[in-house]
Amino acid sequence: MIRRPPRSTRKESSAASDVYKRQVEELKKAEEELVDAHKEYVRQNELAKVQEKTLAEKLKDLESNDIDLCIADMEKLMAKQVEMQKKLKEKIAAYKKKQSEEEELSKNPNKK
């Protein structure tokens, strides 16, 4: 009769370690997403500054009845900037959440 070794059973600490490793990977991914989002924010912000300068130059040369067109362009530009800030804030919040989860797990590794 061939004797087989007992089935390996996962220890709770091993499962907790796997959860911790997954949390660390998720934190790294959130960090990369945050860095990428910030780079995009800076790039878009630089483009917006150029557009703002262009609008300011237009305003100097416009008649009073043409100013309404520039105001509409300013509003679009401002709305775009607000949206960019909103997206960056969301990435920051997601990163902070992942970081908090990872810290909590590192304090209590047996928590699943």
N, C-alpha and C. Protein backbone atom coordinates (compact mmCIF):
# COMPACT_ATOMS: atom_id res chain seq x y z
N MET A 1 0.85 -1.18 0.00
CA MET A 1 0.00 0.00 0.00
C MET A 1 0.89 1.24 0.00
N ILE A 2 0.58 2.16 -0.90
CA ILE A 2 1.35 3.39 -1.00
C ILE A 2 0.79 4.40 0.00
N ARG A 3 1.69 4.92 0.74
CA ARG A 3 1.26 5.90 1.74
C ARG A 3 1.38 7.30 1.14
N ARG A 4 0.32 8.06 1.19
CA ARG A 4 0.31 9.41 0.65
C ARG A 4 0.43 10.43 1.78
N PRO A 5 1.11 11.51 1.48
CA PRO A 5 1.20 12.56 2.50
C PRO A 5 -0.18 13.20 2.70
N PRO A 6 -0.41 13.76 3.85
CA PRO A 6 -1.71 14.41 4.08
C PRO A 6 -1.89 15.59 3.13
N ARG A 7 -3.13 15.86 2.82
CA ARG A 7 -3.42 17.02 1.97
C ARG A 7 -2.93 18.28 2.65
N SER A 8 -2.37 19.12 1.83
CA SER A 8 -1.91 20.37 2.43
C SER A 8 -3.12 21.26 2.69
N THR A 9 -3.15 21.81 3.84
CA THR A 9 -4.21 22.74 4.19
C THR A 9 -3.59 24.11 4.35
N ARG A 10 -4.29 25.08 3.88
CA ARG A 10 -3.78 26.44 4.00
C ARG A 10 -3.95 26.91 5.43
N LYS A 11 -2.89 27.39 5.93
CA LYS A 11 -2.95 27.98 7.26
C LYS A 11 -3.60 29.35 7.15
N GLU A 12 -4.25 29.76 8.25
CA GLU A 12 -4.90 31.06 8.24
C GLU A 12 -3.88 32.17 8.02
N SER A 13 -2.69 32.01 8.56
CA SER A 13 -1.67 33.04 8.39
C SER A 13 -1.26 33.15 6.93
N SER A 14 -1.25 32.04 6.23
CA SER A 14 -0.91 32.05 4.81
C SER A 14 -1.98 32.78 4.02
N ALA A 15 -3.24 32.53 4.36
CA ALA A 15 -4.33 33.22 3.68
C ALA A 15 -4.27 34.71 3.96
N ALA A 16 -3.96 35.08 5.17
CA ALA A 16 -3.83 36.49 5.53
C ALA A 16 -2.67 37.11 4.77
N SER A 17 -1.61 36.35 4.62
CA SER A 17 -0.46 36.84 3.86
C SER A 17 -0.83 37.10 2.41
N ASP A 18 -1.62 36.20 1.84
CA ASP A 18 -2.08 36.38 0.45
C ASP A 18 -2.93 37.64 0.32
N VAL A 19 -3.80 37.85 1.30
CA VAL A 19 -4.66 39.04 1.29
C VAL A 19 -3.78 40.29 1.38
N TYR A 20 -2.80 40.25 2.25
CA TYR A 20 -1.90 41.39 2.41
C TYR A 20 -1.13 41.67 1.12
N LYS A 21 -0.63 40.61 0.49
CA LYS A 21 0.10 40.78 -0.77
C LYS A 21 -0.80 41.40 -1.84
N ARG A 22 -2.05 40.94 -1.88
CA ARG A 22 -3.00 41.49 -2.84
C ARG A 22 -3.24 42.97 -2.56
N GLN A 23 -3.37 43.31 -1.29
CA GLN A 23 -3.59 44.71 -0.91
C GLN A 23 -2.41 45.58 -1.32
N VAL A 24 -1.20 45.06 -1.13
CA VAL A 24 0.00 45.81 -1.51
C VAL A 24 0.02 46.01 -3.03
N GLU A 25 -0.33 44.98 -3.79
CA GLU A 25 -0.39 45.10 -5.25
C GLU A 25 -1.43 46.13 -5.67
N GLU A 26 -2.58 46.11 -5.01
CA GLU A 26 -3.63 47.08 -5.33
C GLU A 26 -3.18 48.49 -4.99
N LEU A 27 -2.44 48.63 -3.88
CA LEU A 27 -1.93 49.94 -3.50
C LEU A 27 -0.93 50.45 -4.53
N LYS A 28 -0.06 49.57 -5.00
CA LYS A 28 0.91 49.97 -6.03
C LYS A 28 0.19 50.41 -7.30
N LYS A 29 -0.85 49.67 -7.67
CA LYS A 29 -1.62 50.01 -8.87
C LYS A 29 -2.30 51.37 -8.69
N ALA A 30 -2.89 51.61 -7.52
CA ALA A 30 -3.54 52.89 -7.25
C ALA A 30 -2.52 54.02 -7.27
N GLU A 31 -1.32 53.75 -6.78
CA GLU A 31 -0.25 54.75 -6.80
C GLU A 31 0.13 55.11 -8.24
N GLU A 32 0.29 54.09 -9.07
CA GLU A 32 0.62 54.33 -10.48
C GLU A 32 -0.49 55.12 -11.17
N GLU A 33 -1.73 54.79 -10.88
CA GLU A 33 -2.85 55.50 -11.48
C GLU A 33 -2.87 56.96 -11.03
N LEU A 34 -2.54 57.19 -9.75
CA LEU A 34 -2.50 58.55 -9.23
C LEU A 34 -1.40 59.36 -9.91
N VAL A 35 -0.22 58.76 -10.05
CA VAL A 35 0.89 59.45 -10.71
C VAL A 35 0.52 59.77 -12.16
N ASP A 36 -0.05 58.80 -12.86
CA ASP A 36 -0.46 59.03 -14.25
C ASP A 36 -1.53 60.12 -14.34
N ALA A 37 -2.48 60.10 -13.42
CA ALA A 37 -3.55 61.11 -13.43
C ALA A 37 -2.96 62.49 -13.16
N HIS A 38 -1.99 62.57 -12.27
CA HIS A 38 -1.38 63.87 -11.99
C HIS A 38 -0.59 64.38 -13.19
N LYS A 39 0.14 63.49 -13.85
CA LYS A 39 0.87 63.89 -15.06
C LYS A 39 -0.10 64.43 -16.12
N GLU A 40 -1.21 63.75 -16.30
CA GLU A 40 -2.21 64.19 -17.27
C GLU A 40 -2.82 65.53 -16.85
N TYR A 41 -3.05 65.69 -15.56
CA TYR A 41 -3.59 66.95 -15.04
C TYR A 41 -2.63 68.10 -15.35
N VAL A 42 -1.34 67.89 -15.09
CA VAL A 42 -0.33 68.92 -15.36
C VAL A 42 -0.30 69.25 -16.85
N ARG A 43 -0.33 68.21 -17.69
CA ARG A 43 -0.30 68.42 -19.14
C ARG A 43 -1.53 69.22 -19.59
N GLN A 44 -2.69 68.83 -19.12
CA GLN A 44 -3.92 69.53 -19.49
C GLN A 44 -3.93 70.96 -18.94
N ASN A 45 -3.36 71.13 -17.76
CA ASN A 45 -3.30 72.46 -17.16
C ASN A 45 -2.42 73.39 -17.99
N GLU A 46 -1.32 72.86 -18.51
CA GLU A 46 -0.44 73.65 -19.37
C GLU A 46 -1.16 74.07 -20.65
N LEU A 47 -1.92 73.15 -21.21
CA LEU A 47 -2.71 73.49 -22.41
C LEU A 47 -3.75 74.56 -22.09
N ALA A 48 -4.37 74.44 -20.92
CA ALA A 48 -5.38 75.42 -20.52
C ALA A 48 -4.78 76.81 -20.36
N LYS A 49 -3.56 76.88 -19.85
CA LYS A 49 -2.90 78.18 -19.70
C LYS A 49 -2.68 78.84 -21.06
N VAL A 50 -2.29 78.06 -22.03
CA VAL A 50 -2.11 78.59 -23.39
C VAL A 50 -3.45 79.09 -23.92
N GLN A 51 -4.50 78.32 -23.71
CA GLN A 51 -5.83 78.73 -24.18
C GLN A 51 -6.29 80.00 -23.47
N GLU A 52 -5.99 80.11 -22.17
CA GLU A 52 -6.37 81.31 -21.42
C GLU A 52 -5.64 82.54 -21.96
N LYS A 53 -4.37 82.40 -22.28
CA LYS A 53 -3.61 83.52 -22.85
C LYS A 53 -4.19 83.94 -24.20
N THR A 54 -4.56 82.95 -24.99
CA THR A 54 -5.16 83.24 -26.29
C THR A 54 -6.47 84.01 -26.12
N LEU A 55 -7.27 83.57 -25.16
CA LEU A 55 -8.54 84.27 -24.90
C LEU A 55 -8.29 85.69 -24.40
N ALA A 56 -7.31 85.86 -23.55
CA ALA A 56 -7.01 87.20 -23.04
C ALA A 56 -6.59 88.13 -24.17
N GLU A 57 -5.82 87.63 -25.10
CA GLU A 57 -5.42 88.43 -26.26
C GLU A 57 -6.62 88.79 -27.12
N LYS A 58 -7.53 87.83 -27.29
CA LYS A 58 -8.75 88.10 -28.06
C LYS A 58 -9.57 89.20 -27.42
N LEU A 59 -9.67 89.15 -26.09
CA LEU A 59 -10.48 90.14 -25.37
C LEU A 59 -9.96 91.55 -25.58
N LYS A 60 -8.67 91.71 -25.72
CA LYS A 60 -8.10 93.05 -25.92
C LYS A 60 -8.56 93.65 -27.25
N ASP A 61 -8.74 92.80 -28.23
CA ASP A 61 -9.04 93.26 -29.58
C ASP A 61 -10.52 93.23 -29.95
N LEU A 62 -11.36 92.75 -29.05
CA LEU A 62 -12.77 92.57 -29.41
C LEU A 62 -13.61 93.80 -29.15
N GLU A 63 -14.64 93.90 -29.93
CA GLU A 63 -15.67 94.90 -29.68
C GLU A 63 -16.55 94.36 -28.55
N SER A 64 -17.27 95.21 -27.92
CA SER A 64 -18.06 94.80 -26.76
C SER A 64 -19.11 93.74 -27.09
N ASN A 65 -19.64 93.72 -28.30
CA ASN A 65 -20.65 92.73 -28.66
C ASN A 65 -20.04 91.35 -28.94
N ASP A 66 -18.73 91.27 -29.15
CA ASP A 66 -18.06 89.99 -29.38
C ASP A 66 -17.57 89.33 -28.08
N ILE A 67 -17.64 90.07 -27.01
CA ILE A 67 -17.14 89.55 -25.73
C ILE A 67 -17.95 88.33 -25.29
N ASP A 68 -19.23 88.30 -25.62
CA ASP A 68 -20.07 87.16 -25.24
C ASP A 68 -19.51 85.84 -25.76
N LEU A 69 -18.95 85.87 -26.96
CA LEU A 69 -18.35 84.65 -27.52
C LEU A 69 -17.15 84.21 -26.68
N CYS A 70 -16.33 85.16 -26.28
CA CYS A 70 -15.17 84.82 -25.45
C CYS A 70 -15.59 84.32 -24.07
N ILE A 71 -16.63 84.89 -23.55
CA ILE A 71 -17.13 84.45 -22.24
C ILE A 71 -17.58 82.99 -22.32
N ALA A 72 -18.25 82.63 -23.39
CA ALA A 72 -18.67 81.24 -23.57
C ALA A 72 -17.45 80.31 -23.63
N ASP A 73 -16.40 80.76 -24.33
CA ASP A 73 -15.16 79.97 -24.39
C ASP A 73 -14.51 79.85 -23.01
N MET A 74 -14.53 80.95 -22.25
CA MET A 74 -13.96 80.91 -20.89
C MET A 74 -14.72 79.92 -20.01
N GLU A 75 -16.03 79.93 -20.12
CA GLU A 75 -16.84 79.01 -19.32
C GLU A 75 -16.53 77.56 -19.67
N LYS A 76 -16.37 77.27 -20.96
CA LYS A 76 -16.02 75.90 -21.37
C LYS A 76 -14.67 75.50 -20.82
N LEU A 77 -13.72 76.41 -20.90
CA LEU A 77 -12.38 76.14 -20.39
C LEU A 77 -12.40 75.91 -18.88
N MET A 78 -13.14 76.72 -18.16
CA MET A 78 -13.23 76.57 -16.71
C MET A 78 -13.92 75.25 -16.34
N ALA A 79 -14.95 74.89 -17.08
CA ALA A 79 -15.64 73.63 -16.81
C ALA A 79 -14.70 72.45 -17.02
N LYS A 80 -13.88 72.54 -18.05
CA LYS A 80 -12.90 71.48 -18.32
C LYS A 80 -11.89 71.38 -17.18
N GLN A 81 -11.44 72.52 -16.66
CA GLN A 81 -10.48 72.52 -15.56
C GLN A 81 -11.10 71.93 -14.29
N VAL A 82 -12.35 72.28 -14.04
CA VAL A 82 -13.03 71.73 -12.87
C VAL A 82 -13.15 70.21 -12.99
N GLU A 83 -13.47 69.73 -14.17
CA GLU A 83 -13.59 68.27 -14.39
C GLU A 83 -12.24 67.58 -14.19
N MET A 84 -11.18 68.21 -14.66
CA MET A 84 -9.84 67.64 -14.46
C MET A 84 -9.51 67.55 -12.97
N GLN A 85 -9.82 68.60 -12.23
CA GLN A 85 -9.57 68.60 -10.79
C GLN A 85 -10.39 67.52 -10.09
N LYS A 86 -11.62 67.37 -10.52
CA LYS A 86 -12.51 66.36 -9.94
C LYS A 86 -11.93 64.95 -10.14
N LYS A 87 -11.46 64.68 -11.34
CA LYS A 87 -10.89 63.36 -11.63
C LYS A 87 -9.63 63.11 -10.80
N LEU A 88 -8.80 64.13 -10.67
CA LEU A 88 -7.58 63.98 -9.87
C LEU A 88 -7.93 63.76 -8.40
N LYS A 89 -8.91 64.47 -7.90
CA LYS A 89 -9.36 64.28 -6.51
C LYS A 89 -9.87 62.85 -6.30
N GLU A 90 -10.59 62.31 -7.28
CA GLU A 90 -11.09 60.94 -7.18
C GLU A 90 -9.93 59.94 -7.10
N LYS A 91 -8.89 60.17 -7.89
CA LYS A 91 -7.71 59.28 -7.86
C LYS A 91 -7.01 59.39 -6.51
N ILE A 92 -6.93 60.59 -5.97
CA ILE A 92 -6.31 60.78 -4.66
C ILE A 92 -7.11 60.05 -3.60
N ALA A 93 -8.43 60.18 -3.65
CA ALA A 93 -9.29 59.50 -2.67
C ALA A 93 -9.16 57.98 -2.77
N ALA A 94 -9.10 57.46 -4.01
CA ALA A 94 -8.94 56.01 -4.20
C ALA A 94 -7.61 55.55 -3.64
N TYR A 95 -6.58 56.33 -3.86
CA TYR A 95 -5.25 55.96 -3.33
C TYR A 95 -5.27 55.97 -1.81
N LYS A 96 -5.84 57.01 -1.22
CA LYS A 96 -5.89 57.09 0.25
C LYS A 96 -6.67 55.91 0.83
N LYS A 97 -7.73 55.52 0.17
CA LYS A 97 -8.53 54.38 0.64
C LYS A 97 -7.70 53.10 0.61
N LYS A 98 -7.03 52.86 -0.51
CA LYS A 98 -6.18 51.66 -0.62
C LYS A 98 -5.06 51.70 0.42
N GLN A 99 -4.48 52.86 0.62
CA GLN A 99 -3.40 53.00 1.59
C GLN A 99 -3.91 52.70 3.00
N SER A 100 -5.08 53.20 3.32
CA SER A 100 -5.68 52.96 4.63
C SER A 100 -5.97 51.47 4.84
N GLU A 101 -6.50 50.81 3.78
CA GLU A 101 -6.78 49.38 3.87
C GLU A 101 -5.50 48.59 4.08
N GLU A 102 -4.44 48.96 3.38
CA GLU A 102 -3.17 48.26 3.52
C GLU A 102 -2.59 48.46 4.92
N GLU A 103 -2.68 49.68 5.44
CA GLU A 103 -2.17 49.95 6.78
C GLU A 103 -2.95 49.16 7.83
N GLU A 104 -4.26 49.11 7.66
CA GLU A 104 -5.10 48.36 8.61
C GLU A 104 -4.75 46.88 8.58
N LEU A 105 -4.55 46.36 7.39
CA LEU A 105 -4.21 44.95 7.25
C LEU A 105 -2.82 44.65 7.82
N SER A 106 -1.90 45.58 7.66
CA SER A 106 -0.56 45.34 8.19
C SER A 106 -0.55 45.38 9.72
N LYS A 107 -1.48 46.11 10.31
CA LYS A 107 -1.60 46.13 11.79
C LYS A 107 -2.24 44.86 12.30
N ASN A 108 -3.16 44.31 11.52
CA ASN A 108 -3.89 43.12 11.94
C ASN A 108 -3.87 42.11 10.79
N PRO A 109 -2.77 41.39 10.62
CA PRO A 109 -2.65 40.51 9.45
C PRO A 109 -3.63 39.33 9.42
N ASN A 110 -4.24 38.99 10.54
CA ASN A 110 -5.19 37.86 10.55
C ASN A 110 -6.59 38.28 10.14
N LYS A 111 -6.79 39.56 9.92
CA LYS A 111 -8.10 40.05 9.48
C LYS A 111 -8.24 39.83 7.99
N LYS A 112 -9.36 39.26 7.56
CA LYS A 112 -9.59 38.98 6.13
C LYS A 112 -10.53 39.97 5.53
